[in-house]
Amino acid sequence: MKKEKLWTLEFIVMSCSNFFQYISQYIMVAALPIYIMNNLGGRRGGNRLGNDFFSDWNSLLPTFGWTLD
C-alpha cells in the first residue's frame, strides 16, 4: 500500500491561508477600538459596541455562505 504524503502543496497553501486569515481577525479585534477612539471620536462604550458588531458579523458570515449555496 502506497503512503500518501501529508505535506502536499495544497495542504501547505491551505494552512497558510487559514493562518493569515486568523491573524488578520486577531489584528482587527485589537485595532478596531483604537481606530474608533482616535479617528471616529468614539468613547469606551462605542468601542465595545463596535467590537460587538464586528464579532457578531463574523460569526454570521458562515451562515450566509451556507444559505447562498
PDB file of N, CA and C in Angstrom:
ATOM      1  N   MET A   1       0.842  -1.180   0.000  1.00  0.00           N
ATOM      2  CA  MET A   1       0.000   0.000   0.000  1.00  0.00           C
ATOM      3  C   MET A   1       0.888   1.244   0.000  1.00  0.00           C
ATOM      4  N   LYS A   2       0.602   2.132  -0.918  1.00  0.00           N
ATOM      5  CA  LYS A   2       1.402   3.348  -1.052  1.00  0.00           C
ATOM      6  C   LYS A   2       0.927   4.401  -0.050  1.00  0.00           C
ATOM      7  N   LYS A   3       1.875   5.011   0.665  1.00  0.00           N
ATOM      8  CA  LYS A   3       1.537   6.060   1.627  1.00  0.00           C
ATOM      9  C   LYS A   3       1.343   7.380   0.889  1.00  0.00           C
ATOM     10  N   GLU A   4       0.309   8.077   1.271  1.00  0.00           N
ATOM     11  CA  GLU A   4       0.076   9.404   0.709  1.00  0.00           C
ATOM     12  C   GLU A   4       0.824  10.435   1.541  1.00  0.00           C
ATOM     13  N   LYS A   5       1.365  11.425   0.876  1.00  0.00           N
ATOM     14  CA  LYS A   5       2.089  12.483   1.577  1.00  0.00           C
ATOM     15  C   LYS A   5       1.114  13.440   2.225  1.00  0.00           C
ATOM     16  N   LEU A   6       1.441  13.860   3.432  1.00  0.00           N
ATOM     17  CA  LEU A   6       0.624  14.851   4.127  1.00  0.00           C
ATOM     18  C   LEU A   6       0.982  16.263   3.665  1.00  0.00           C
ATOM     19  N   TRP A   7       2.249  16.526   3.520  1.00  0.00           N
ATOM     20  CA  TRP A   7       2.713  17.884   3.218  1.00  0.00           C
ATOM     21  C   TRP A   7       2.712  18.126   1.713  1.00  0.00           C
ATOM     22  N   THR A   8       1.535  18.112   1.127  1.00  0.00           N
ATOM     23  CA  THR A   8       1.406  18.436  -0.286  1.00  0.00           C
ATOM     24  C   THR A   8       1.322  19.952  -0.441  1.00  0.00           C
ATOM     25  N   LEU A   9       1.435  20.393  -1.671  1.00  0.00           N
ATOM     26  CA  LEU A   9       1.358  21.830  -1.945  1.00  0.00           C
ATOM     27  C   LEU A   9      -0.004  22.385  -1.548  1.00  0.00           C
ATOM     28  N   GLU A  10      -1.060  21.645  -1.823  1.00  0.00           N
ATOM     29  CA  GLU A  10      -2.400  22.112  -1.464  1.00  0.00           C
ATOM     30  C   GLU A  10      -2.564  22.245   0.043  1.00  0.00           C
ATOM     31  N   PHE A  11      -2.014  21.292   0.798  1.00  0.00           N
ATOM     32  CA  PHE A  11      -2.099  21.349   2.254  1.00  0.00           C
ATOM     33  C   PHE A  11      -1.352  22.558   2.800  1.00  0.00           C
ATOM     34  N   ILE A  12      -0.182  22.838   2.273  1.00  0.00           N
ATOM     35  CA  ILE A  12       0.622  23.971   2.739  1.00  0.00           C
ATOM     36  C   ILE A  12      -0.065  25.286   2.402  1.00  0.00           C
ATOM     37  N   VAL A  13      -0.604  25.399   1.200  1.00  0.00           N
ATOM     38  CA  VAL A  13      -1.290  26.633   0.806  1.00  0.00           C
ATOM     39  C   VAL A  13      -2.529  26.854   1.666  1.00  0.00           C
ATOM     40  N   MET A  14      -3.293  25.806   1.910  1.00  0.00           N
ATOM     41  CA  MET A  14      -4.496  25.939   2.732  1.00  0.00           C
ATOM     42  C   MET A  14      -4.137  26.295   4.175  1.00  0.00           C
ATOM     43  N   SER A  15      -3.086  25.700   4.709  1.00  0.00           N
ATOM     44  CA  SER A  15      -2.652  26.014   6.070  1.00  0.00           C
ATOM     45  C   SER A  15      -2.204  27.468   6.184  1.00  0.00           C
ATOM     46  N   CYS A  16      -1.449  27.936   5.215  1.00  0.00           N
ATOM     47  CA  CYS A  16      -1.011  29.341   5.229  1.00  0.00           C
ATOM     48  C   CYS A  16      -2.198  30.286   5.085  1.00  0.00           C
ATOM     49  N   SER A  17      -3.137  29.922   4.242  1.00  0.00           N
ATOM     50  CA  SER A  17      -4.328  30.748   4.055  1.00  0.00           C
ATOM     51  C   SER A  17      -5.118  30.870   5.354  1.00  0.00           C
ATOM     52  N   ASN A  18      -5.337  29.769   6.041  1.00  0.00           N
ATOM     53  CA  ASN A  18      -6.060  29.808   7.314  1.00  0.00           C
ATOM     54  C   ASN A  18      -5.294  30.587   8.373  1.00  0.00           C
ATOM     55  N   PHE A  19      -3.983  30.401   8.415  1.00  0.00           N
ATOM     56  CA  PHE A  19      -3.159  31.113   9.383  1.00  0.00           C
ATOM     57  C   PHE A  19      -3.286  32.626   9.201  1.00  0.00           C
ATOM     58  N   PHE A  20      -3.153  33.106   7.973  1.00  0.00           N
ATOM     59  CA  PHE A  20      -3.210  34.543   7.738  1.00  0.00           C
ATOM     60  C   PHE A  20      -4.618  35.096   7.943  1.00  0.00           C
ATOM     61  N   GLN A  21      -5.632  34.296   7.682  1.00  0.00           N
ATOM     62  CA  GLN A  21      -6.997  34.754   7.924  1.00  0.00           C
ATOM     63  C   GLN A  21      -7.233  34.938   9.418  1.00  0.00           C
ATOM     64  N   TYR A  22      -6.811  33.997  10.240  1.00  0.00           N
ATOM     65  CA  TYR A  22      -6.993  34.131  11.686  1.00  0.00           C
ATOM     66  C   TYR A  22      -6.141  35.256  12.261  1.00  0.00           C
ATOM     67  N   ILE A  23      -4.933  35.420  11.773  1.00  0.00           N
ATOM     68  CA  ILE A  23      -4.084  36.525  12.231  1.00  0.00           C
ATOM     69  C   ILE A  23      -4.747  37.865  11.913  1.00  0.00           C
ATOM     70  N   SER A  24      -5.322  37.995  10.720  1.00  0.00           N
ATOM     71  CA  SER A  24      -5.975  39.259  10.368  1.00  0.00           C
ATOM     72  C   SER A  24      -7.188  39.516  11.260  1.00  0.00           C
ATOM     73  N   GLN A  25      -7.911  38.476  11.650  1.00  0.00           N
ATOM     74  CA  GLN A  25      -9.039  38.655  12.559  1.00  0.00           C
ATOM     75  C   GLN A  25      -8.567  39.144  13.925  1.00  0.00           C
ATOM     76  N   TYR A  26      -7.505  38.555  14.437  1.00  0.00           N
ATOM     77  CA  TYR A  26      -6.991  38.965  15.743  1.00  0.00           C
ATOM     78  C   TYR A  26      -6.468  40.395  15.712  1.00  0.00           C
ATOM     79  N   ILE A  27      -5.822  40.778  14.622  1.00  0.00           N
ATOM     80  CA  ILE A  27      -5.323  42.141  14.498  1.00  0.00           C
ATOM     81  C   ILE A  27      -6.497  43.121  14.436  1.00  0.00           C
ATOM     82  N   MET A  28      -7.542  42.763  13.701  1.00  0.00           N
ATOM     83  CA  MET A  28      -8.695  43.644  13.588  1.00  0.00           C
ATOM     84  C   MET A  28      -9.391  43.821  14.931  1.00  0.00           C
ATOM     85  N   VAL A  29      -9.507  42.763  15.706  1.00  0.00           N
ATOM     86  CA  VAL A  29     -10.148  42.870  17.019  1.00  0.00           C
ATOM     87  C   VAL A  29      -9.334  43.779  17.938  1.00  0.00           C
ATOM     88  N   ALA A  30      -8.027  43.745  17.813  1.00  0.00           N
ATOM     89  CA  ALA A  30      -7.187  44.596  18.653  1.00  0.00           C
ATOM     90  C   ALA A  30      -7.145  46.039  18.143  1.00  0.00           C
ATOM     91  N   ALA A  31      -7.201  46.226  16.832  1.00  0.00           N
ATOM     92  CA  ALA A  31      -7.039  47.565  16.264  1.00  0.00           C
ATOM     93  C   ALA A  31      -8.348  48.335  16.140  1.00  0.00           C
ATOM     94  N   LEU A  32      -9.470  47.651  16.093  1.00  0.00           N
ATOM     95  CA  LEU A  32     -10.743  48.339  15.891  1.00  0.00           C
ATOM     96  C   LEU A  32     -11.074  49.339  16.992  1.00  0.00           C
ATOM     97  N   PRO A  33     -10.928  49.005  18.275  1.00  0.00           N
ATOM     98  CA  PRO A  33     -11.213  50.013  19.304  1.00  0.00           C
ATOM     99  C   PRO A  33     -10.288  51.228  19.235  1.00  0.00           C
ATOM    100  N   ILE A  34      -9.037  51.013  18.910  1.00  0.00           N
ATOM    101  CA  ILE A  34      -8.088  52.121  18.794  1.00  0.00           C
ATOM    102  C   ILE A  34      -8.498  53.031  17.637  1.00  0.00           C
ATOM    103  N   TYR A  35      -8.888  52.428  16.523  1.00  0.00           N
ATOM    104  CA  TYR A  35      -9.335  53.211  15.373  1.00  0.00           C
ATOM    105  C   TYR A  35     -10.594  54.006  15.703  1.00  0.00           C
ATOM    106  N   ILE A  36     -11.529  53.381  16.399  1.00  0.00           N
ATOM    107  CA  ILE A  36     -12.773  54.069  16.755  1.00  0.00           C
ATOM    108  C   ILE A  36     -12.480  55.259  17.664  1.00  0.00           C
ATOM    109  N   MET A  37     -11.603  55.079  18.643  1.00  0.00           N
ATOM    110  CA  MET A  37     -11.304  56.185  19.568  1.00  0.00           C
ATOM    111  C   MET A  37     -10.529  57.304  18.877  1.00  0.00           C
ATOM    112  N   ASN A  38      -9.521  56.973  18.108  1.00  0.00           N
ATOM    113  CA  ASN A  38      -8.646  58.000  17.536  1.00  0.00           C
ATOM    114  C   ASN A  38      -9.243  58.694  16.316  1.00  0.00           C
ATOM    115  N   ASN A  39      -9.876  57.965  15.441  1.00  0.00           N
ATOM    116  CA  ASN A  39     -10.312  58.548  14.170  1.00  0.00           C
ATOM    117  C   ASN A  39     -11.790  58.885  14.114  1.00  0.00           C
ATOM    118  N   LEU A  40     -12.609  58.215  14.889  1.00  0.00           N
ATOM    119  CA  LEU A  40     -14.044  58.450  14.823  1.00  0.00           C
ATOM    120  C   LEU A  40     -14.575  59.169  16.055  1.00  0.00           C
ATOM    121  N   GLY A  41     -13.700  59.481  17.006  1.00  0.00           N
ATOM    122  CA  GLY A  41     -14.113  60.204  18.196  1.00  0.00           C
ATOM    123  C   GLY A  41     -15.007  59.403  19.119  1.00  0.00           C
ATOM    124  N   GLY A  42     -14.786  58.122  19.166  1.00  0.00           N
ATOM    125  CA  GLY A  42     -15.631  57.259  19.987  1.00  0.00           C
ATOM    126  C   GLY A  42     -15.221  57.253  21.453  1.00  0.00           C
ATOM    127  N   ARG A  43     -16.123  56.768  22.278  1.00  0.00           N
ATOM    128  CA  ARG A  43     -15.856  56.597  23.704  1.00  0.00           C
ATOM    129  C   ARG A  43     -15.739  55.118  24.012  1.00  0.00           C
ATOM    130  N   ARG A  44     -15.511  54.800  25.273  1.00  0.00           N
ATOM    131  CA  ARG A  44     -15.333  53.393  25.652  1.00  0.00           C
ATOM    132  C   ARG A  44     -16.538  52.536  25.285  1.00  0.00           C
ATOM    133  N   GLY A  45     -17.724  53.029  25.542  1.00  0.00           N
ATOM    134  CA  GLY A  45     -18.929  52.263  25.192  1.00  0.00           C
ATOM    135  C   GLY A  45     -19.037  52.015  23.697  1.00  0.00           C
ATOM    136  N   GLY A  46     -18.643  53.016  22.910  1.00  0.00           N
ATOM    137  CA  GLY A  46     -18.650  52.861  21.454  1.00  0.00           C
ATOM    138  C   GLY A  46     -17.659  51.822  20.988  1.00  0.00           C
ATOM    139  N   ASN A  47     -16.535  51.751  21.689  1.00  0.00           N
ATOM    140  CA  ASN A  47     -15.541  50.736  21.334  1.00  0.00           C
ATOM    141  C   ASN A  47     -16.096  49.337  21.538  1.00  0.00           C
ATOM    142  N   ARG A  48     -16.744  49.153  22.660  1.00  0.00           N
ATOM    143  CA  ARG A  48     -17.321  47.833  22.926  1.00  0.00           C
ATOM    144  C   ARG A  48     -18.404  47.499  21.913  1.00  0.00           C
ATOM    145  N   LEU A  49     -19.199  48.488  21.589  1.00  0.00           N
ATOM    146  CA  LEU A  49     -20.276  48.273  20.628  1.00  0.00           C
ATOM    147  C   LEU A  49     -19.709  47.956  19.245  1.00  0.00           C
ATOM    148  N   GLY A  50     -18.662  48.659  18.844  1.00  0.00           N
ATOM    149  CA  GLY A  50     -18.018  48.380  17.559  1.00  0.00           C
ATOM    150  C   GLY A  50     -17.439  46.983  17.511  1.00  0.00           C
ATOM    151  N   ASN A  51     -16.783  46.567  18.591  1.00  0.00           N
ATOM    152  CA  ASN A  51     -16.239  45.211  18.641  1.00  0.00           C
ATOM    153  C   ASN A  51     -17.341  44.165  18.648  1.00  0.00           C
ATOM    154  N   ASP A  52     -18.433  44.469  19.341  1.00  0.00           N
ATOM    155  CA  ASP A  52     -19.553  43.524  19.361  1.00  0.00           C
ATOM    156  C   ASP A  52     -20.135  43.332  17.969  1.00  0.00           C
ATOM    157  N   PHE A  53     -20.340  44.441  17.247  1.00  0.00           N
ATOM    158  CA  PHE A  53     -20.866  44.320  15.886  1.00  0.00           C
ATOM    159  C   PHE A  53     -19.908  43.555  14.989  1.00  0.00           C
ATOM    160  N   PHE A  54     -18.617  43.817  15.128  1.00  0.00           N
ATOM    161  CA  PHE A  54     -17.624  43.131  14.305  1.00  0.00           C
ATOM    162  C   PHE A  54     -17.624  41.632  14.583  1.00  0.00           C
ATOM    163  N   SER A  55     -17.625  41.237  15.850  1.00  0.00           N
ATOM    164  CA  SER A  55     -17.580  39.810  16.174  1.00  0.00           C
ATOM    165  C   SER A  55     -18.895  39.120  15.830  1.00  0.00           C
ATOM    166  N   ASP A  56     -20.023  39.818  16.006  1.00  0.00           N
ATOM    167  CA  ASP A  56     -21.308  39.223  15.632  1.00  0.00           C
ATOM    168  C   ASP A  56     -21.398  39.018  14.129  1.00  0.00           C
ATOM    169  N   TRP A  57     -20.949  39.997  13.372  1.00  0.00           N
ATOM    170  CA  TRP A  57     -20.979  39.880  11.917  1.00  0.00           C
ATOM    171  C   TRP A  57     -20.109  38.720  11.453  1.00  0.00           C
ATOM    172  N   ASN A  58     -18.926  38.580  12.034  1.00  0.00           N
ATOM    173  CA  ASN A  58     -18.033  37.493  11.634  1.00  0.00           C
ATOM    174  C   ASN A  58     -18.581  36.133  12.004  1.00  0.00           C
ATOM    175  N   SER A  59     -19.364  36.059  13.066  1.00  0.00           N
ATOM    176  CA  SER A  59     -19.937  34.760  13.422  1.00  0.00           C
ATOM    177  C   SER A  59     -21.111  34.408  12.506  1.00  0.00           C
ATOM    178  N   LEU A  60     -21.733  35.408  11.872  1.00  0.00           N
ATOM    179  CA  LEU A  60     -22.854  35.138  10.970  1.00  0.00           C
ATOM    180  C   LEU A  60     -22.429  34.881   9.528  1.00  0.00           C
ATOM    181  N   LEU A  61     -21.233  35.270   9.148  1.00  0.00           N
ATOM    182  CA  LEU A  61     -20.797  35.111   7.763  1.00  0.00           C
ATOM    183  C   LEU A  61     -20.852  33.668   7.268  1.00  0.00           C
ATOM    184  N   PRO A  62     -20.410  32.663   8.027  1.00  0.00           N
ATOM    185  CA  PRO A  62     -20.522  31.293   7.514  1.00  0.00           C
ATOM    186  C   PRO A  62     -21.971  30.871   7.256  1.00  0.00           C
ATOM    187  N   THR A  63     -22.893  31.373   8.051  1.00  0.00           N
ATOM    188  CA  THR A  63     -24.306  31.046   7.844  1.00  0.00           C
ATOM    189  C   THR A  63     -24.806  31.630   6.528  1.00  0.00           C
ATOM    190  N   PHE A  64     -24.403  32.852   6.224  1.00  0.00           N
ATOM    191  CA  PHE A  64     -24.825  33.456   4.952  1.00  0.00           C
ATOM    192  C   PHE A  64     -24.264  32.685   3.765  1.00  0.00           C
ATOM    193  N   GLY A  65     -23.019  32.264   3.865  1.00  0.00           N
ATOM    194  CA  GLY A  65     -22.421  31.485   2.787  1.00  0.00           C
ATOM    195  C   GLY A  65     -23.133  30.157   2.574  1.00  0.00           C
ATOM    196  N   TRP A  66     -23.519  29.534   3.674  1.00  0.00           N
ATOM    197  CA  TRP A  66     -24.207  28.248   3.582  1.00  0.00           C
ATOM    198  C   TRP A  66     -25.590  28.414   2.962  1.00  0.00           C
ATOM    199  N   THR A  67     -26.288  29.486   3.322  1.00  0.00           N
ATOM    200  CA  THR A  67     -27.628  29.681   2.766  1.00  0.00           C
ATOM    201  C   THR A  67     -27.577  30.094   1.303  1.00  0.00           C
ATOM    202  N   LEU A  68     -26.543  30.813   0.889  1.00  0.00           N
ATOM    203  CA  LEU A  68     -26.430  31.207  -0.513  1.00  0.00           C
ATOM    204  C   LEU A  68     -26.081  30.042  -1.423  1.00  0.00           C
ATOM    205  N   ASP A  69     -25.391  29.051  -0.870  1.00  0.00           N
ATOM    206  CA  ASP A  69     -25.058  27.871  -1.685  1.00  0.00           C
ATOM    207  C   ASP A  69     -26.306  27.076  -1.919  1.00  0.00           C
TER     208      ASP A  69
END
